C-alpha atoms as a PDB file:
ATOM      1  CA  MET A   1      23.400   2.851   6.355  1.00  0.00           C
ATOM      2  CA  SER A   2      21.235   1.828   3.416  1.00  0.00           C
ATOM      3  CA  ASN A   3      21.657   3.580   0.076  1.00  0.00           C
ATOM      4  CA  THR A   4      17.937   3.059  -0.607  1.00  0.00           C
ATOM      5  CA  LEU A   5      15.376   5.764   0.171  1.00  0.00           C
ATOM      6  CA  ILE A   6      12.255   4.017   1.492  1.00  0.00           C
ATOM      7  CA  ILE A   7       8.950   5.889   1.165  1.00  0.00           C
ATOM      8  CA  GLY A   8       5.640   4.699   2.606  1.00  0.00           C
ATOM      9  CA  VAL A   9       2.248   5.842   1.320  1.00  0.00           C
ATOM     10  CA  ALA A  10      -0.693   4.912   3.573  1.00  0.00           C
ATOM     11  CA  GLY A  11      -4.336   5.986   3.849  1.00  0.00           C
ATOM     12  CA  GLY A  12      -7.788   4.466   3.802  1.00  0.00           C
ATOM     13  CA  SER A  13      -9.100   2.309   0.978  1.00  0.00           C
ATOM     14  CA  GLY A  14     -10.060   4.601  -1.917  1.00  0.00           C
ATOM     15  CA  SER A  15      -8.256   7.615  -0.455  1.00  0.00           C
ATOM     16  CA  GLY A  16      -6.256   8.366  -3.596  1.00  0.00           C
ATOM     17  CA  LYS A  17      -2.991   6.644  -2.692  1.00  0.00           C
ATOM     18  CA  THR A  18      -2.525   5.500  -6.278  1.00  0.00           C
ATOM     19  CA  THR A  19      -2.501   9.094  -7.548  1.00  0.00           C
ATOM     20  CA  VAL A  20       0.143  10.025  -4.984  1.00  0.00           C
ATOM     21  CA  VAL A  21       2.168   6.900  -5.808  1.00  0.00           C
ATOM     22  CA  ASN A  22       2.031   7.735  -9.520  1.00  0.00           C
ATOM     23  CA  HIS A  23       3.167  11.301  -8.771  1.00  0.00           C
ATOM     24  CA  ILE A  24       6.204   9.961  -6.904  1.00  0.00           C
ATOM     25  CA  ILE A  25       7.019   7.490  -9.685  1.00  0.00           C
ATOM     26  CA  GLU A  26       6.860  10.322 -12.215  1.00  0.00           C
ATOM     27  CA  GLU A  27       8.988  12.544  -9.984  1.00  0.00           C
ATOM     28  CA  VAL A  28      11.724   9.948  -9.392  1.00  0.00           C
ATOM     29  CA  GLY A  29      11.509   7.966 -12.644  1.00  0.00           C
ATOM     30  CA  GLU A  30      10.756   4.261 -13.026  1.00  0.00           C
ATOM     31  CA  GLN A  31      14.407   3.488 -13.729  1.00  0.00           C
ATOM     32  CA  ASP A  32      15.310   4.530 -10.154  1.00  0.00           C
ATOM     33  CA  LEU A  33      12.269   3.239  -8.260  1.00  0.00           C
ATOM     34  CA  ASN A  34      10.668  -0.020  -7.148  1.00  0.00           C
ATOM     35  CA  LEU A  35       7.034  -0.180  -6.017  1.00  0.00           C
ATOM     36  CA  LEU A  36       6.026  -2.751  -3.408  1.00  0.00           C
ATOM     37  CA  GLN A  37       2.310  -2.967  -2.677  1.00  0.00           C
ATOM     38  CA  HIS A  38       1.236  -4.427   0.646  1.00  0.00           C
ATOM     39  CA  ASP A  39      -1.773  -5.965  -1.167  1.00  0.00           C
ATOM     40  CA  SER A  40       0.603  -8.301  -3.018  1.00  0.00           C
ATOM     41  CA  TYR A  41       1.340  -9.975   0.309  1.00  0.00           C
ATOM     42  CA  TYR A  42      -2.166 -11.194   1.154  1.00  0.00           C
ATOM     43  CA  ARG A  43      -1.893 -14.689   2.572  1.00  0.00           C
ATOM     44  CA  ASP A  44      -2.628 -17.481   0.120  1.00  0.00           C
ATOM     45  CA  LEU A  45      -6.093 -18.933   0.777  1.00  0.00           C
ATOM     46  CA  LYS A  46      -6.234 -21.594  -1.920  1.00  0.00           C
ATOM     47  CA  HIS A  47      -6.588 -24.273   0.780  1.00  0.00           C
ATOM     48  CA  LEU A  48     -10.084 -22.892   1.565  1.00  0.00           C
ATOM     49  CA  PRO A  49     -13.294 -23.184  -0.492  1.00  0.00           C
ATOM     50  CA  PHE A  50     -14.076 -20.007  -2.434  1.00  0.00           C
ATOM     51  CA  GLU A  51     -17.006 -19.066  -0.178  1.00  0.00           C
ATOM     52  CA  GLU A  52     -14.757 -19.182   2.887  1.00  0.00           C
ATOM     53  CA  ARG A  53     -12.060 -17.176   1.114  1.00  0.00           C
ATOM     54  CA  ALA A  54     -14.530 -14.459   0.158  1.00  0.00           C
ATOM     55  CA  ALA A  55     -15.766 -14.204   3.758  1.00  0.00           C
ATOM     56  CA  GLN A  56     -12.289 -13.432   5.189  1.00  0.00           C
ATOM     57  CA  ASN A  57     -11.531 -10.048   6.757  1.00  0.00           C
ATOM     58  CA  PHE A  58      -9.004  -8.660   4.259  1.00  0.00           C
ATOM     59  CA  ASP A  59      -8.750  -5.352   6.118  1.00  0.00           C
ATOM     60  CA  HIS A  60      -7.232  -6.820   9.283  1.00  0.00           C
ATOM     61  CA  PRO A  61      -3.413  -6.856   9.575  1.00  0.00           C
ATOM     62  CA  ALA A  62      -3.450 -10.627  10.111  1.00  0.00           C
ATOM     63  CA  SER A  63      -4.657 -11.139   6.525  1.00  0.00           C
ATOM     64  CA  LEU A  64      -1.288  -9.970   5.198  1.00  0.00           C
ATOM     65  CA  GLU A  65       2.113 -11.659   5.304  1.00  0.00           C
ATOM     66  CA  THR A  66       3.806  -8.484   6.474  1.00  0.00           C
ATOM     67  CA  GLU A  67       6.807 -10.403   7.757  1.00  0.00           C
ATOM     68  CA  LEU A  68       7.626 -11.380   4.156  1.00  0.00           C
ATOM     69  CA  LEU A  69       7.228  -7.783   2.981  1.00  0.00           C
ATOM     70  CA  ILE A  70       9.644  -6.680   5.705  1.00  0.00           C
ATOM     71  CA  ARG A  71      12.203  -9.290   4.619  1.00  0.00           C
ATOM     72  CA  HIS A  72      11.876  -8.125   1.016  1.00  0.00           C
ATOM     73  CA  ILE A  73      12.393  -4.477   1.983  1.00  0.00           C
ATOM     74  CA  GLN A  74      15.485  -5.396   3.982  1.00  0.00           C
ATOM     75  CA  ALA A  75      16.849  -7.553   1.147  1.00  0.00           C
ATOM     76  CA  LEU A  76      16.383  -4.839  -1.481  1.00  0.00           C
ATOM     77  CA  SER A  77      17.998  -2.306   0.867  1.00  0.00           C
ATOM     78  CA  ASP A  78      20.967  -4.657   1.253  1.00  0.00           C
ATOM     79  CA  GLY A  79      21.379  -5.021  -2.505  1.00  0.00           C
ATOM     80  CA  TYR A  80      19.623  -8.343  -3.130  1.00  0.00           C
ATOM     81  CA  SER A  81      16.805  -9.153  -5.565  1.00  0.00           C
ATOM     82  CA  VAL A  82      13.459 -10.501  -4.317  1.00  0.00           C
ATOM     83  CA  GLU A  83      10.531 -12.538  -5.677  1.00  0.00           C
ATOM     84  CA  VAL A  84       7.306 -10.622  -5.000  1.00  0.00           C
ATOM     85  CA  PRO A  85       4.042 -12.615  -4.803  1.00  0.00           C
ATOM     86  CA  VAL A  86       1.376 -11.998  -7.460  1.00  0.00           C
ATOM     87  CA  TYR A  87      -2.118 -11.989  -5.948  1.00  0.00           C
ATOM     88  CA  ASP A  88      -5.382 -12.824  -7.692  1.00  0.00           C
ATOM     89  CA  PHE A  89      -7.981 -10.534  -6.085  1.00  0.00           C
ATOM     90  CA  ALA A  90     -10.937 -12.110  -7.872  1.00  0.00           C
ATOM     91  CA  ASN A  91     -10.204 -15.567  -6.436  1.00  0.00           C
ATOM     92  CA  HIS A  92      -8.338 -14.584  -3.235  1.00  0.00           C
ATOM     93  CA  ILE A  93      -5.264 -16.694  -4.008  1.00  0.00           C
ATOM     94  CA  ARG A  94      -1.618 -16.195  -4.885  1.00  0.00           C
ATOM     95  CA  LEU A  95      -0.607 -17.192  -8.378  1.00  0.00           C
ATOM     96  CA  GLU A  96       2.271 -19.583  -8.957  1.00  0.00           C
ATOM     97  CA  LYS A  97       4.288 -16.887 -10.729  1.00  0.00           C
ATOM     98  CA  THR A  98       6.207 -14.117  -8.951  1.00  0.00           C
ATOM     99  CA  GLN A  99       7.640 -10.728  -9.942  1.00  0.00           C
ATOM    100  CA  THR A 100      11.404 -10.298  -9.670  1.00  0.00           C
ATOM    101  CA  LEU A 101      12.599  -6.944  -8.340  1.00  0.00           C
ATOM    102  CA  TYR A 102      16.204  -5.776  -8.316  1.00  0.00           C
ATOM    103  CA  PRO A 103      17.575  -3.082  -5.982  1.00  0.00           C
ATOM    104  CA  LYS A 104      17.037   0.536  -7.023  1.00  0.00           C
ATOM    105  CA  ARG A 105      17.658   3.937  -5.505  1.00  0.00           C
ATOM    106  CA  VAL A 106      14.100   4.428  -4.205  1.00  0.00           C
ATOM    107  CA  LEU A 107      11.715   1.857  -2.719  1.00  0.00           C
ATOM    108  CA  LEU A 108       8.064   2.911  -2.551  1.00  0.00           C
ATOM    109  CA  ILE A 109       5.711   0.998  -0.223  1.00  0.00           C
ATOM    110  CA  ASP A 110       1.941   1.372  -0.686  1.00  0.00           C
ATOM    111  CA  GLY A 111      -0.771   0.036   1.615  1.00  0.00           C
ATOM    112  CA  ILE A 112      -3.573   0.975   3.978  1.00  0.00           C
ATOM    113  CA  LEU A 113      -1.997  -0.779   6.981  1.00  0.00           C
ATOM    114  CA  ILE A 114       1.725  -0.102   6.610  1.00  0.00           C
ATOM    115  CA  PHE A 115       1.821   2.473   9.438  1.00  0.00           C
ATOM    116  CA  SER A 116       0.067   0.113  11.867  1.00  0.00           C
ATOM    117  CA  GLU A 117       2.986  -2.352  11.874  1.00  0.00           C
ATOM    118  CA  LYS A 118       5.834  -1.011  14.019  1.00  0.00           C
ATOM    119  CA  GLU A 119       8.623  -3.115  12.497  1.00  0.00           C
ATOM    120  CA  LEU A 120       7.559  -1.992   9.022  1.00  0.00           C
ATOM    121  CA  LEU A 121       7.037   1.618  10.111  1.00  0.00           C
ATOM    122  CA  ASP A 122      10.592   1.761  11.467  1.00  0.00           C
ATOM    123  CA  LEU A 123      12.001   0.939   8.007  1.00  0.00           C
ATOM    124  CA  LEU A 124      10.396   3.969   6.320  1.00  0.00           C
ATOM    125  CA  ASP A 125      12.443   7.139   5.704  1.00  0.00           C
ATOM    126  CA  ILE A 126       9.424   9.167   4.540  1.00  0.00           C
ATOM    127  CA  LYS A 127       5.857   8.497   5.694  1.00  0.00           C
ATOM    128  CA  LEU A 128       2.921   9.961   3.726  1.00  0.00           C
ATOM    129  CA  PHE A 129      -0.742   9.566   4.705  1.00  0.00           C
ATOM    130  CA  VAL A 130      -3.467  10.298   2.137  1.00  0.00           C
ATOM    131  CA  ASP A 131      -6.569  11.582   3.933  1.00  0.00           C
ATOM    132  CA  THR A 132      -9.921  11.646   2.120  1.00  0.00           C
ATOM    133  CA  ASP A 133     -13.573  11.834   3.252  1.00  0.00           C
ATOM    134  CA  ASP A 134     -15.291   8.512   3.935  1.00  0.00           C
ATOM    135  CA  ASP A 135     -18.035   8.973   1.328  1.00  0.00           C
ATOM    136  CA  VAL A 136     -15.503   9.681  -1.423  1.00  0.00           C
ATOM    137  CA  ARG A 137     -13.457   6.638  -0.427  1.00  0.00           C
ATOM    138  CA  LEU A 138     -16.524   4.379  -0.484  1.00  0.00           C
ATOM    139  CA  LEU A 139     -17.518   5.524  -3.981  1.00  0.00           C
ATOM    140  CA  ARG A 140     -13.993   4.907  -5.275  1.00  0.00           C
ATOM    141  CA  ARG A 141     -13.884   1.456  -3.672  1.00  0.00           C
ATOM    142  CA  LEU A 142     -17.232   0.558  -5.253  1.00  0.00           C
ATOM    143  CA  ARG A 143     -15.965   1.490  -8.712  1.00  0.00           C
ATOM    144  CA  ARG A 144     -12.679  -0.364  -8.264  1.00  0.00           C
ATOM    145  CA  ASP A 145     -14.022  -3.589  -6.772  1.00  0.00           C
ATOM    146  CA  ILE A 146     -16.900  -3.908  -9.245  1.00  0.00           C
ATOM    147  CA  THR A 147     -14.950  -3.054 -12.410  1.00  0.00           C
ATOM    148  CA  GLU A 148     -11.479  -4.437 -11.559  1.00  0.00           C
ATOM    149  CA  ARG A 149     -12.131  -7.262  -9.100  1.00  0.00           C
ATOM    150  CA  ASN A 150     -15.403  -8.778 -10.331  1.00  0.00           C
ATOM    151  CA  ARG A 151     -17.295  -8.032  -7.111  1.00  0.00           C
ATOM    152  CA  SER A 152     -21.050  -7.422  -6.822  1.00  0.00           C
ATOM    153  CA  LEU A 153     -22.491  -4.175  -5.472  1.00  0.00           C
ATOM    154  CA  GLU A 154     -24.079  -6.001  -2.548  1.00  0.00           C
ATOM    155  CA  GLY A 155     -20.848  -7.846  -1.807  1.00  0.00           C
ATOM    156  CA  VAL A 156     -18.766  -4.665  -1.768  1.00  0.00           C
ATOM    157  CA  LEU A 157     -21.244  -2.860   0.513  1.00  0.00           C
ATOM    158  CA  ASN A 158     -21.455  -5.816   2.897  1.00  0.00           C
ATOM    159  CA  GLN A 159     -17.679  -6.031   3.079  1.00  0.00           C
ATOM    160  CA  TYR A 160     -17.416  -2.284   3.686  1.00  0.00           C
ATOM    161  CA  GLU A 161     -19.923  -2.385   6.539  1.00  0.00           C
ATOM    162  CA  LYS A 162     -18.612  -5.572   8.154  1.00  0.00           C
ATOM    163  CA  HIS A 163     -14.851  -5.245   7.671  1.00  0.00           C
ATOM    164  CA  VAL A 164     -13.574  -2.141   5.862  1.00  0.00           C
ATOM    165  CA  ARG A 165     -15.062   0.606   8.025  1.00  0.00           C
ATOM    166  CA  PRO A 166     -14.419  -1.065  11.441  1.00  0.00           C
ATOM    167  CA  MET A 167     -10.815  -1.902  10.496  1.00  0.00           C
ATOM    168  CA  HIS A 168     -10.269   1.624   9.165  1.00  0.00           C
ATOM    169  CA  LEU A 169     -11.364   3.059  12.506  1.00  0.00           C
ATOM    170  CA  GLU A 170      -9.321   0.552  14.514  1.00  0.00           C
ATOM    171  CA  PHE A 171      -6.078   0.444  12.527  1.00  0.00           C
ATOM    172  CA  VAL A 172      -5.822   2.903   9.623  1.00  0.00           C
ATOM    173  CA  GLU A 173      -7.118   6.159  11.071  1.00  0.00           C
ATOM    174  CA  PRO A 174      -5.039   5.939  14.296  1.00  0.00           C
ATOM    175  CA  SER A 175      -1.874   5.273  12.249  1.00  0.00           C
ATOM    176  CA  LYS A 176      -2.173   8.732  10.690  1.00  0.00           C
ATOM    177  CA  ARG A 177      -0.295  10.196  13.653  1.00  0.00           C
ATOM    178  CA  TYR A 178       2.917   8.516  12.469  1.00  0.00           C
ATOM    179  CA  ALA A 179       2.940  10.344   9.113  1.00  0.00           C
ATOM    180  CA  ASP A 180       5.545  12.969   8.239  1.00  0.00           C
ATOM    181  CA  ILE A 181       3.071  14.597   5.830  1.00  0.00           C
ATOM    182  CA  ILE A 182      -0.723  14.221   5.763  1.00  0.00           C
ATOM    183  CA  ILE A 183      -2.175  14.869   2.308  1.00  0.00           C
ATOM    184  CA  PRO A 184      -5.827  15.994   2.469  1.00  0.00           C
ATOM    185  CA  HIS A 185      -8.007  15.390  -0.627  1.00  0.00           C
ATOM    186  CA  GLY A 186      -5.561  12.855  -2.050  1.00  0.00           C
ATOM    187  CA  GLY A 187      -3.981  13.448  -5.426  1.00  0.00           C
ATOM    188  CA  GLN A 188      -6.046  16.581  -6.019  1.00  0.00           C
ATOM    189  CA  ASN A 189      -3.902  18.482  -3.515  1.00  0.00           C
ATOM    190  CA  SER A 190      -1.241  20.010  -5.766  1.00  0.00           C
ATOM    191  CA  VAL A 191       0.348  22.043  -2.952  1.00  0.00           C
ATOM    192  CA  ALA A 192       0.872  18.924  -0.826  1.00  0.00           C
ATOM    193  CA  LEU A 193       2.290  17.047  -3.814  1.00  0.00           C
ATOM    194  CA  GLU A 194       4.802  19.859  -4.366  1.00  0.00           C
ATOM    195  CA  MET A 195       5.835  19.503  -0.710  1.00  0.00           C
ATOM    196  CA  VAL A 196       6.246  15.757  -1.209  1.00  0.00           C
ATOM    197  CA  SER A 197       8.431  16.328  -4.287  1.00  0.00           C
ATOM    198  CA  ALA A 198      10.628  18.782  -2.386  1.00  0.00           C
ATOM    199  CA  LEU A 199      10.995  16.379   0.546  1.00  0.00           C
ATOM    200  CA  ILE A 200      11.925  13.446  -1.687  1.00  0.00           C
ATOM    201  CA  ASN A 201      14.431  15.452  -3.715  1.00  0.00           C
ATOM    202  CA  GLY A 202      15.977  16.765  -0.507  1.00  0.00           C
ATOM    203  CA  LYS A 203      16.383  13.234   0.872  1.00  0.00           C
ATOM    204  CA  LEU A 204      17.716  11.895  -2.447  1.00  0.00           C
ATOM    205  CA  ALA A 205      20.561  14.401  -2.266  1.00  0.00           C
ATOM    206  CA  TYR A 206      21.967  12.230   0.546  1.00  0.00           C
ATOM    207  CA  VAL A 207      21.376   8.885  -1.183  1.00  0.00           C
ATOM    208  CA  GLU A 208      24.164   7.780  -3.493  1.00  0.00           C
END
């Protein structure tokens, strides 16, 4: 049995996962926790022209190298360090550098599609789904992609209509049924966050 507690936080794009993730990091402490983001494992597209890269469906499970994420989770659980890819969202490529992670007591996995992959789902000890209204999620995604990822308003809206919303309905929303706790209203739900803290602390009592 692994001595690592593995927690998954899923939910639609812009649902407030980051707030929940930050709450867990604060609860556990950075010294005892590693964060693995599914987004870091986007497949490297540097072999394609930029226009073709930008046109890819980044909300489909096939766009992510989930098999590598799974190997990294298993390695960290077994006590080995891993080299996590560093992804450039503005250019849709992986950078040459990587981030080295060493095993810690808690492993936190964050991503919109992590509950839609059975082999990955089976590795998670605690499964949290952040559930937020579609209009709120769209507004948050607009702010993030324009300010942090150098995207245009038109580009973000086109991507949302063509890829984000259909993939959410096909993959993300149905995966909600696998969650141990569904957190409505994201990080604003203080009662749900207290439940999450209690659950994590209860599980940690059995992790040496």
